[in-house]
Structure formats: C-alpha cells, structure tokens
Amino acid sequence: MKYLSNFSILRVASAALLISACTQLHATAFSLSEYIGSSSLGRSGAGRAAIAEDASTVFTNPAGMTRLSGSHWLVATQFFMPTIKFHNGTGTKDAAGKPISGGDGGNAGVFALAPSFYYVKSLSKQWFLGFGMNSPFGLAVDYGNDWVGRYQVIDTALKTINLNPSVAFKVNDALSIGGGINFQYAQYEFNSALDLGALMGNPQSADGHLKLDGDDWGWGFNFGLLWNLDASTRMGIAYRSKIKYNLQGDADFTTPNNSFQPVFTDTKFNIPINVPEHISLSFHHQLNPRLAIMSDVTYTRWSRYNQLQVNYANPSQPDLVVPKNWHNTWRIAMGLDYTYSKPWSFQFGVAFDQSPIPDQTFDPSVPSNDQGWLSFGTQYKYSDTLSLGFSYLHVFILETRDVNLPGLFGDRLQGPIDGSMDVIGAELNWSF
C-alpha cells in the first residue's frame, strides 16, 4: 500500500510526538515552589527566603529553622483553578489545506490539589532538624478528544512529590546556615491523536492514538544563609540545585490496522531531563510593630534546556536530539504584612514571573506566558501555639501569545492562547 513507503516519515513522527509531549516537564510557569504555605501565597512568594516564620522554611530556606524554638508543624494545601483557552485561527489546517474538524477545546485547565507538610525541631540553641514533603512541579491540561489541536496534544499531566530532610546551624545571633537533601519523584502522562490518514494521502480519515506513561526518581540538594542585618531587617539567600531524571515508561500506540508496523509498535522509552537550579535573594524589614515589608528576586537557569533527547527501545524508531534553546528567567515579588490585632494579621503581594519559552516553541501542551500575580491572605492566631491561615491568588497573563506550529503530518495549528488562574490556600500551624 502507498503508506508502506513512508516508514521514515513514521519514525520521525513518532519520535517527535514524544519530544513535544515531554517539553512540559520544563515549564517554569508550572513550578509550584512559590505556593508553599498559605502565608507565602498571600504575599505572592515575597520574602520567602528571609521571613522564616513557620516550618515551611525547610523548603524555602533551611537556615530559617534557627528562628523556630521547640517543635513546629505546618500542614497546608492549595487548590488550583486554571483557565486555559485556545482561539482557533484561520491557519489551522491539515496536510491537504482543509480546516481540521473539531472545536477550540473549551477550558483546558484542570482543577488540582497540592497538599504539603513540614516539621521543624530544635535540638539545642544551635542545631535544628527539619523535614518537608510537597509538590514543587506540576501541570495538567485537557483539551478533549475532538479539538482541532488533537494531533499535538489531547491531555497531559505531570505530578511530583519531593521529600526534603534538612539541618540548620546557628553560627551566632547574626548568621545561620542550613541545607537539605531532596528526593523527588515525577510521574508523567500524555495523550494525542495521530493523523495516519495523512500518510495515505487522505488527512483526518484514519486517526491513531499515542499514550505515554513514565516516571522516575531524582535527587538534589538545597542550602541557604540567613543574616540578621539589624533588629528589624534580615536577608536570606536560598539555592536549590538541578535534579536529573531519566523518565522511563511505556509508549502505547493504537492504529487502524497492522500495516503501520513495526514503527507504531508499543515500546519502552526513556528521556533524560534536568529540572534546572535556581537561586533566590529575599529581604524582610519590620517598619513598626504592625507593618512589615518584604521582597524576593529569583533567577532560574532554564538555558540548560537547549535540547531534548528521546531514546527508544524499538530499533525501528531512531533516537533523536532536538534543539530547544530556552532562556533564563527572573521572578520579582513584593509583599507586606499588617497586624490588625493580636489574633488577626493580613498579607498582600504582587509579583512578575517570566516565561522561558521562545515564541518558536510555544505550544498548547506548555501554555507558559509572562505572568502577573496579585494576592492577599489572612492569619488567625487561635492561641500562642495554634494558628490558621487562608489566602487567595490571581495569576493573569500579561501578553497573549500565538501558537503557530507545523504538525507532524503536514498539518498546522494556529491561534492565540490566553487564560488565568485562581489559587486558594489554607494552612494549619501548631507549635509546642
């Protein structure tokens, strides 16, 4: 049959599908480290490496544990409610130049829940131990089976769990140091349609399907310094290392018949990737007994992600190396705390967060744009040892970006993607 002569195209297409699927693992727009704890969420993450007011400092700056005497517990959760919408343009066409059937995909954002837990114990006036468990990266999008971009992505999800034992040492009243080890698990799923009809000269007539499911453990480290510049001001520096993964799992293909073998054959795959390192500089200043201001600047080295390599167990599918050339990013946040009365306090924050993705590689599976943040929160101190916190964050897109991507089977997806996200946080603090 005609399409049996196109095995080389099939090999490249199946490899490229895996590549486009896995780029979302690197999307800084879906780093969740800024959402740690309700009070941090209420400040848009401002001052997170310098405040050290609760046990979440295990993750944000382990040196801050030296400010917590006794034992401290924090249990928090965040509810993510994203809105992601594609607006179909006139350039969305198949290989024959005809419009691809289907809708815009509706709201592709998926509701998600991200719980976290932290514990700190002072062993002496100088030594402190801590442990944290959270989800520092995550993403889920679902456009549905019948949208016009189904040949690029139908749905995808990334879930992570990070275990972070830590230790801190108080050098003197002005300086503290701390560090920890991070054991991180990542699970990844991806689904897309395959326009196999295009290989027979009749696009959209014979759709196949690809499903990916892979996971791996990685490890890294974090450390931090905390300086008390004076009685009212402190500065924190926190560094988190890159983490290497080698995602391994199953690539499952569904095809109309067996004539597409041996290329579209169920097989194993692995993808070596790195989550890049970042460093934060934070300040906290107590203006008066009621009002404090804080700031944070974070630099992430996304330029490490200049290519992606996909390796197959099936010898009919060649390994590929694809350039990506992402750029480093900055995140800037400002916040303030206001103590209204002894039990009640309030937090406010704003932030700007850059996207690392060039226009040439912007796609619906990684809808990462430059973002603006606006947030507020409240803390209620029930007693000297127990407090509750609630917060709200709105993330809005600063500039709508256009998808203009050629597909793997001669098709093209074209149109703008915009959206926003609402996050609600809650936490319980207990000390004794």
Protein backbone atom coordinates (compact mmCIF):
# COMPACT_ATOMS: atom_id res chain seq x y z
CA MET A 1 0.00 0.00 0.00
CA LYS A 2 1.07 3.62 -0.55
CA TYR A 3 1.87 4.45 3.05
CA LEU A 4 4.20 1.49 3.46
CA SER A 5 6.83 3.57 1.63
CA ASN A 6 6.65 6.25 4.29
CA PHE A 7 8.30 4.35 7.18
CA SER A 8 10.97 7.05 7.52
CA ILE A 9 8.24 9.67 8.00
CA LEU A 10 6.53 7.45 10.54
CA ARG A 11 9.72 7.04 12.53
CA VAL A 12 10.34 10.77 12.69
CA ALA A 13 6.71 11.49 13.54
CA SER A 14 6.56 9.03 16.42
CA ALA A 15 9.80 10.38 17.86
CA ALA A 16 8.72 13.99 17.53
CA LEU A 17 5.45 13.23 19.32
CA LEU A 18 7.40 12.12 22.36
CA ILE A 19 9.53 15.25 22.18
CA SER A 20 6.60 17.64 22.04
CA ALA A 21 4.92 15.73 24.84
CA CYS A 22 7.80 15.92 27.26
CA THR A 23 8.70 19.60 26.92
CA GLN A 24 6.07 20.43 29.53
CA LEU A 25 8.28 18.93 32.23
CA HIS A 26 10.42 22.06 31.97
CA ALA A 27 7.72 24.73 32.16
CA THR A 28 8.60 27.29 34.82
CA ALA A 29 5.03 28.55 34.65
CA PHE A 30 4.10 25.35 36.43
CA SER A 31 6.71 25.47 39.16
CA LEU A 32 4.73 25.31 42.40
CA SER A 33 7.50 26.31 44.82
CA GLU A 34 6.08 29.84 45.16
CA TYR A 35 2.82 28.42 46.54
CA ILE A 36 4.37 26.89 49.68
CA GLY A 37 2.12 27.67 52.66
CA SER A 38 -0.87 29.98 52.88
CA SER A 39 1.02 33.00 54.23
CA SER A 40 3.63 32.75 51.45
CA LEU A 41 0.82 32.53 48.89
CA GLY A 42 -0.78 35.66 50.37
CA ARG A 43 2.48 37.56 49.76
CA SER A 44 2.94 36.16 46.21
CA GLY A 45 6.07 34.43 47.50
CA ALA A 46 7.76 37.71 48.51
CA GLY A 47 10.41 37.40 51.22
CA ARG A 48 10.13 33.62 51.31
CA ALA A 49 13.87 33.06 51.95
CA ALA A 50 14.01 35.65 54.77
CA ILE A 51 10.74 35.50 56.72
CA ALA A 52 11.23 32.09 58.41
CA GLU A 53 8.02 32.37 60.45
CA ASP A 54 6.90 28.73 60.24
CA ALA A 55 8.05 25.22 59.35
CA SER A 56 7.75 25.78 55.57
CA THR A 57 11.19 27.41 55.81
CA VAL A 58 12.51 23.85 55.47
CA PHE A 59 11.85 24.24 51.75
CA THR A 60 12.19 27.99 51.17
CA ASN A 61 15.40 28.46 53.22
CA PRO A 62 16.53 25.78 55.72
CA ALA A 63 18.71 28.31 57.55
CA GLY A 64 15.47 29.91 58.77
CA MET A 65 14.80 26.90 61.03
CA THR A 66 17.06 28.56 63.63
CA ARG A 67 14.27 31.10 64.29
CA LEU A 68 11.92 28.35 65.49
CA SER A 69 12.36 27.01 69.01
CA GLY A 70 10.70 23.81 70.21
CA SER A 71 8.69 21.76 67.69
CA HIS A 72 6.71 23.23 64.79
CA TRP A 73 4.25 21.57 62.41
CA LEU A 74 2.65 23.02 59.31
CA VAL A 75 0.03 21.33 57.13
CA ALA A 76 -1.05 23.26 54.04
CA THR A 77 -2.94 22.76 50.82
CA GLN A 78 -3.54 24.79 47.68
CA PHE A 79 -6.48 24.50 45.28
CA PHE A 80 -5.52 25.39 41.69
CA MET A 81 -8.28 26.54 39.31
CA PRO A 82 -6.69 27.39 35.93
CA THR A 83 -8.38 28.74 32.81
CA ILE A 84 -6.58 27.94 29.54
CA LYS A 85 -8.32 28.73 26.26
CA PHE A 86 -7.23 28.35 22.65
CA HIS A 87 -8.87 30.51 20.00
CA ASN A 88 -8.83 28.81 16.61
CA GLY A 89 -7.21 30.82 13.87
CA THR A 90 -7.63 30.65 10.09
CA GLY A 91 -4.33 28.79 9.72
CA THR A 92 -5.38 25.56 11.48
CA LYS A 93 -5.39 23.14 8.53
CA ASP A 94 -4.47 19.57 7.69
CA ALA A 95 -1.89 18.42 5.13
CA ALA A 96 -4.38 18.94 2.30
CA GLY A 97 -5.04 22.55 3.32
CA LYS A 98 -8.51 21.84 4.69
CA PRO A 99 -9.66 23.03 8.15
CA ILE A 100 -9.20 20.41 10.86
CA SER A 101 -12.52 19.33 12.30
CA GLY A 102 -13.29 19.97 15.95
CA GLY A 103 -13.72 22.75 18.46
CA ASP A 104 -11.40 25.03 20.43
CA GLY A 105 -11.08 22.63 23.36
CA GLY A 106 -13.02 24.75 25.84
CA ASN A 107 -11.27 25.40 29.13
CA ALA A 108 -8.22 23.12 29.06
CA GLY A 109 -7.27 23.97 32.64
CA VAL A 110 -7.66 21.12 35.13
CA PHE A 111 -8.52 21.62 38.81
CA ALA A 112 -5.68 20.37 41.03
CA LEU A 113 -4.96 19.94 44.74
CA ALA A 114 -1.41 20.24 46.13
CA PRO A 115 -1.03 19.37 49.84
CA SER A 116 2.23 19.84 51.77
CA PHE A 117 3.64 19.06 55.20
CA TYR A 118 6.61 20.44 57.20
CA TYR A 119 8.16 19.76 60.59
CA VAL A 120 10.99 21.52 62.50
CA LYS A 121 12.53 20.58 65.85
CA SER A 122 15.22 22.44 67.78
CA LEU A 123 17.81 20.03 69.20
CA SER A 124 19.66 22.79 71.06
CA LYS A 125 20.16 26.54 70.83
CA GLN A 126 22.38 25.98 67.79
CA TRP A 127 21.20 22.80 66.00
CA PHE A 128 17.85 22.27 64.24
CA LEU A 129 16.33 19.44 62.21
CA GLY A 130 13.50 19.62 59.70
CA PHE A 131 11.53 17.62 57.17
CA GLY A 132 9.27 18.68 54.31
CA MET A 133 7.01 16.92 51.83
CA ASN A 134 5.48 18.85 48.93
CA SER A 135 4.89 19.01 45.18
CA PRO A 136 7.29 21.58 43.65
CA PHE A 137 6.30 21.00 39.99
CA GLY A 138 3.00 20.13 38.36
CA LEU A 139 0.80 20.61 35.33
CA ALA A 140 -2.42 19.23 33.85
CA VAL A 141 -4.20 20.29 30.66
CA ASP A 142 -7.14 18.58 28.91
CA TYR A 143 -8.46 19.86 25.58
CA GLY A 144 -10.67 16.83 24.84
CA ASN A 145 -10.54 14.18 22.13
CA ASP A 146 -12.26 16.24 19.42
CA TRP A 147 -10.50 19.60 19.45
CA VAL A 148 -8.61 20.97 16.43
CA GLY A 149 -5.22 20.51 18.09
CA ARG A 150 -5.66 16.82 18.96
CA TYR A 151 -2.70 15.90 16.73
CA GLN A 152 -0.47 17.98 19.05
CA VAL A 153 -1.97 17.10 22.44
CA ILE A 154 -5.25 15.83 23.89
CA ASP A 155 -4.34 15.86 27.55
CA THR A 156 -1.20 15.73 29.66
CA ALA A 157 -0.33 15.66 33.36
CA LEU A 158 2.83 15.94 35.46
CA LYS A 159 2.84 15.10 39.17
CA THR A 160 5.78 15.36 41.57
CA ILE A 161 6.47 14.53 45.21
CA ASN A 162 9.50 15.97 47.00
CA LEU A 163 10.92 14.65 50.30
CA ASN A 164 13.28 17.16 51.95
CA PRO A 165 15.15 16.28 55.20
CA SER A 166 17.15 19.31 56.41
CA VAL A 167 19.53 20.55 59.11
CA ALA A 168 20.44 24.08 60.26
CA PHE A 169 23.14 25.60 62.46
CA LYS A 170 23.03 28.97 64.22
CA VAL A 171 26.55 30.36 63.89
CA ASN A 172 25.81 33.42 66.03
CA ASP A 173 22.99 35.89 66.63
CA ALA A 174 23.52 37.40 63.17
CA LEU A 175 24.19 34.38 60.90
CA SER A 176 22.57 30.98 60.37
CA ILE A 177 23.22 28.32 57.73
CA GLY A 178 21.18 25.33 56.63
CA GLY A 179 20.88 22.66 53.99
CA GLY A 180 18.93 19.63 52.91
CA ILE A 181 18.65 16.70 50.51
CA ASN A 182 15.74 16.44 48.06
CA PHE A 183 14.41 13.06 46.93
CA GLN A 184 11.93 13.79 44.15
CA TYR A 185 9.52 11.51 42.28
CA ALA A 186 7.95 12.50 38.95
CA GLN A 187 5.08 10.81 37.11
CA TYR A 188 4.16 11.83 33.58
CA GLU A 189 1.20 11.04 31.28
CA PHE A 190 0.44 12.23 27.76
CA ASN A 191 -2.22 11.53 25.10
CA SER A 192 -2.51 12.69 21.49
CA ALA A 193 -4.13 11.66 18.21
CA LEU A 194 -2.14 10.58 15.13
CA ASP A 195 -3.28 11.70 11.67
CA LEU A 196 -2.25 8.47 9.95
CA GLY A 197 -4.69 9.23 7.15
CA ALA A 198 -2.34 12.00 6.00
CA LEU A 199 0.28 9.34 5.26
CA MET A 200 -2.20 7.70 2.88
CA GLY A 201 -2.98 10.98 1.11
CA ASN A 202 -6.33 11.45 2.87
CA PRO A 203 -5.87 13.55 6.05
CA GLN A 204 -8.25 13.04 9.00
CA SER A 205 -9.55 9.76 7.55
CA ALA A 206 -7.65 7.31 9.78
CA ASP A 207 -6.72 8.58 13.22
CA GLY A 208 -4.43 6.65 15.53
CA HIS A 209 -3.60 7.36 19.17
CA LEU A 210 -0.49 7.68 21.34
CA LYS A 211 -0.38 7.29 25.11
CA LEU A 212 2.77 7.83 27.18
CA ASP A 213 3.19 6.85 30.81
CA GLY A 214 6.56 7.19 32.55
CA ASP A 215 8.16 8.01 35.89
CA ASP A 216 11.46 8.23 37.74
CA TRP A 217 13.16 9.30 40.99
CA GLY A 218 15.77 12.03 41.10
CA TRP A 219 17.69 13.79 43.82
CA GLY A 220 19.30 17.14 44.52
CA PHE A 221 20.09 19.50 47.39
CA ASN A 222 19.22 22.91 48.74
CA PHE A 223 21.02 25.25 51.13
CA GLY A 224 20.58 28.74 52.48
CA LEU A 225 22.01 31.57 54.57
CA LEU A 226 20.08 33.93 56.85
CA TRP A 227 21.55 37.22 58.12
CA ASN A 228 20.06 39.49 60.76
CA LEU A 229 21.31 42.82 59.46
CA ASP A 230 19.84 44.62 62.47
CA ALA A 231 16.97 44.18 64.91
CA SER A 232 14.40 44.97 62.20
CA THR A 233 15.96 43.68 58.97
CA ARG A 234 17.11 40.30 57.73
CA MET A 235 18.25 38.91 54.40
CA GLY A 236 18.10 35.37 53.09
CA ILE A 237 19.78 33.58 50.20
CA ALA A 238 18.41 30.21 49.13
CA TYR A 239 19.76 27.90 46.43
CA ARG A 240 18.09 24.80 45.03
CA SER A 241 20.12 22.51 42.77
CA LYS A 242 19.11 20.95 39.49
CA ILE A 243 17.61 17.46 39.63
CA LYS A 244 18.32 14.84 36.99
CA TYR A 245 15.62 12.47 35.80
CA ASN A 246 15.65 9.58 33.37
CA LEU A 247 11.95 9.18 32.68
CA GLN A 248 11.17 5.60 31.69
CA GLY A 249 7.89 4.02 30.74
CA ASP A 250 5.58 2.72 28.03
CA ALA A 251 4.66 4.26 24.68
CA ASP A 252 1.35 2.69 23.62
CA PHE A 253 0.15 3.13 20.03
CA THR A 254 -3.32 2.46 18.64
CA THR A 255 -3.54 2.24 14.82
CA PRO A 256 -6.35 1.42 12.36
CA ASN A 257 -4.60 -1.79 11.25
CA ASN A 258 -1.31 -3.67 11.48
CA SER A 259 0.09 -2.16 8.28
CA PHE A 260 1.68 0.64 10.30
CA GLN A 261 4.04 -1.83 12.00
CA PRO A 262 6.82 -2.03 13.03
CA VAL A 263 7.20 1.73 13.63
CA PHE A 264 3.99 2.38 15.54
CA THR A 265 4.56 -0.55 17.87
CA ASP A 266 4.16 -0.46 21.63
CA THR A 267 7.61 0.00 23.11
CA LYS A 268 9.63 1.34 26.03
CA PHE A 269 11.14 4.81 26.05
CA ASN A 270 13.42 6.91 28.22
CA ILE A 271 14.08 10.63 28.27
CA PRO A 272 16.98 12.10 30.29
CA ILE A 273 15.99 15.55 31.56
CA ASN A 274 17.08 18.10 34.15
CA VAL A 275 14.95 20.37 36.31
CA PRO A 276 17.21 23.46 36.47
CA GLU A 277 18.69 25.13 39.53
CA HIS A 278 17.51 28.46 40.89
CA ILE A 279 18.67 30.98 43.48
CA SER A 280 16.58 33.46 45.50
CA LEU A 281 17.53 36.64 47.36
CA SER A 282 14.96 37.85 49.89
CA PHE A 283 14.60 40.76 52.33
CA HIS A 284 12.29 41.30 55.29
CA HIS A 285 12.03 44.60 57.16
CA GLN A 286 9.81 45.38 60.17
CA LEU A 287 8.77 49.01 59.74
CA ASN A 288 6.89 49.14 63.06
CA PRO A 289 5.15 46.66 65.36
CA ARG A 290 2.19 46.41 62.96
CA LEU A 291 3.70 46.65 59.47
CA ALA A 292 6.44 44.67 57.70
CA ILE A 293 7.55 44.74 54.06
CA MET A 294 9.41 42.06 52.11
CA SER A 295 10.80 41.37 48.64
CA ASP A 296 12.19 38.50 46.62
CA VAL A 297 14.21 38.06 43.42
CA THR A 298 14.62 34.57 41.93
CA TYR A 299 16.84 33.58 38.98
CA THR A 300 16.27 30.23 37.24
CA ARG A 301 18.80 28.77 34.82
CA TRP A 302 16.45 27.50 32.09
CA SER A 303 19.20 27.95 29.47
CA ARG A 304 20.40 24.49 30.50
CA TYR A 305 17.46 23.23 28.44
CA ASN A 306 18.93 23.71 24.98
CA GLN A 307 17.96 20.31 23.60
CA LEU A 308 15.86 17.25 24.31
CA GLN A 309 16.91 13.65 23.64
CA VAL A 310 14.44 10.80 23.16
CA ASN A 311 15.63 7.17 23.28
CA TYR A 312 13.55 4.19 22.09
CA ALA A 313 13.75 0.51 22.86
CA ASN A 314 12.20 -0.23 19.43
CA PRO A 315 15.11 -0.36 16.92
CA SER A 316 12.75 0.79 14.12
CA GLN A 317 12.46 4.17 15.81
CA PRO A 318 15.65 6.28 15.74
CA ASP A 319 16.80 8.25 18.75
CA LEU A 320 16.52 11.99 18.23
CA VAL A 321 18.12 15.14 19.63
CA VAL A 322 16.01 18.28 19.14
CA PRO A 323 17.18 21.86 19.91
CA LYS A 324 15.00 23.95 22.26
CA ASN A 325 17.16 26.95 23.30
CA TRP A 326 15.12 28.18 26.26
CA HIS A 327 16.32 31.27 28.13
CA ASN A 328 16.96 32.06 31.79
CA THR A 329 14.20 33.78 33.75
CA TRP A 330 13.68 36.28 36.56
CA ARG A 331 10.89 36.39 39.11
CA ILE A 332 10.33 39.53 41.24
CA ALA A 333 7.87 39.80 44.15
CA MET A 334 6.91 42.44 46.71
CA GLY A 335 4.70 41.95 49.77
CA LEU A 336 3.64 43.29 53.13
CA ASP A 337 2.23 42.03 56.44
CA TYR A 338 -0.19 44.04 58.54
CA THR A 339 -1.06 43.07 62.13
CA TYR A 340 -4.59 44.31 62.76
CA SER A 341 -4.92 42.93 66.29
CA LYS A 342 -3.38 40.22 68.44
CA PRO A 343 -5.20 37.30 66.73
CA TRP A 344 -5.57 38.77 63.21
CA SER A 345 -2.94 39.61 60.61
CA PHE A 346 -3.15 40.17 56.85
CA GLN A 347 -0.79 39.65 53.91
CA PHE A 348 -0.66 41.28 50.47
CA GLY A 349 1.62 40.65 47.49
CA VAL A 350 2.38 41.27 43.81
CA ALA A 351 4.83 39.50 41.51
CA PHE A 352 6.12 39.30 37.94
CA ASP A 353 7.14 35.88 36.59
CA GLN A 354 8.87 35.41 33.21
CA SER A 355 8.27 32.53 30.80
CA PRO A 356 11.39 30.77 29.46
CA ILE A 357 9.79 29.54 26.22
CA PRO A 358 10.65 31.26 22.89
CA ASP A 359 7.81 32.09 20.51
CA GLN A 360 9.08 29.47 18.08
CA THR A 361 8.39 26.61 20.52
CA PHE A 362 5.27 27.94 22.27
CA ASP A 363 2.60 25.21 22.13
CA PRO A 364 -0.68 24.20 23.79
CA SER A 365 0.85 21.49 25.97
CA VAL A 366 3.03 24.16 27.65
CA PRO A 367 0.91 27.37 27.63
CA SER A 368 3.52 29.38 29.54
CA ASN A 369 3.33 33.17 29.23
CA ASP A 370 4.77 36.03 31.27
CA GLN A 371 2.59 36.33 34.36
CA GLY A 372 1.46 38.94 36.86
CA TRP A 373 0.41 37.93 40.38
CA LEU A 374 -1.93 39.66 42.84
CA SER A 375 -2.66 38.05 46.21
CA PHE A 376 -3.88 38.54 49.75
CA GLY A 377 -4.24 36.37 52.84
CA THR A 378 -5.15 36.34 56.49
CA GLN A 379 -3.83 34.57 59.58
CA TYR A 380 -5.84 33.93 62.72
CA LYS A 381 -3.83 33.09 65.83
CA TYR A 382 -6.16 30.95 67.90
CA SER A 383 -3.60 30.67 70.71
CA ASP A 384 0.14 31.05 71.27
CA THR A 385 0.66 27.59 69.75
CA LEU A 386 -2.08 27.27 67.11
CA SER A 387 -2.94 29.40 64.07
CA LEU A 388 -4.98 29.09 60.88
CA GLY A 389 -4.32 30.76 57.54
CA PHE A 390 -6.24 31.36 54.33
CA SER A 391 -5.13 33.08 51.13
CA TYR A 392 -6.16 33.87 47.57
CA LEU A 393 -4.00 34.44 44.48
CA HIS A 394 -4.98 35.54 40.99
CA VAL A 395 -2.48 34.90 38.19
CA PHE A 396 -3.11 36.78 34.97
CA ILE A 397 -1.40 36.64 31.59
CA LEU A 398 0.47 39.83 30.71
CA GLU A 399 0.53 39.17 26.97
CA THR A 400 -1.41 36.70 24.83
CA ARG A 401 0.86 34.57 22.66
CA ASP A 402 0.06 32.85 19.35
CA VAL A 403 0.56 29.20 18.60
CA ASN A 404 1.84 28.77 15.03
CA LEU A 405 3.22 25.26 14.88
CA PRO A 406 3.61 22.84 12.00
CA GLY A 407 2.36 19.39 12.91
CA LEU A 408 3.93 16.02 12.35
CA PHE A 409 1.75 15.01 9.42
CA GLY A 410 1.75 18.19 7.33
CA ASP A 411 -0.89 19.93 9.45
CA ARG A 412 -0.61 23.29 11.23
CA LEU A 413 -2.16 24.62 14.44
CA GLN A 414 -2.59 28.38 14.56
CA GLY A 415 -4.29 30.71 17.03
CA PRO A 416 -3.80 32.58 20.33
CA ILE A 417 -3.88 31.02 23.79
CA ASP A 418 -4.85 33.04 26.84
CA GLY A 419 -6.03 32.34 30.34
CA SER A 420 -5.61 32.95 34.03
CA MET A 421 -5.52 31.04 37.29
CA ASP A 422 -7.08 31.33 40.73
CA VAL A 423 -5.43 29.67 43.73
CA ILE A 424 -6.91 29.25 47.20
CA GLY A 425 -4.61 28.24 50.06
CA ALA A 426 -5.21 27.04 53.59
CA GLU A 427 -2.81 26.05 56.38
CA LEU A 428 -2.66 24.92 60.00
CA ASN A 429 0.32 25.84 62.20
CA TRP A 430 0.95 24.07 65.51
CA SER A 431 3.92 24.53 67.83
CA PHE A 432 4.79 23.11 71.24
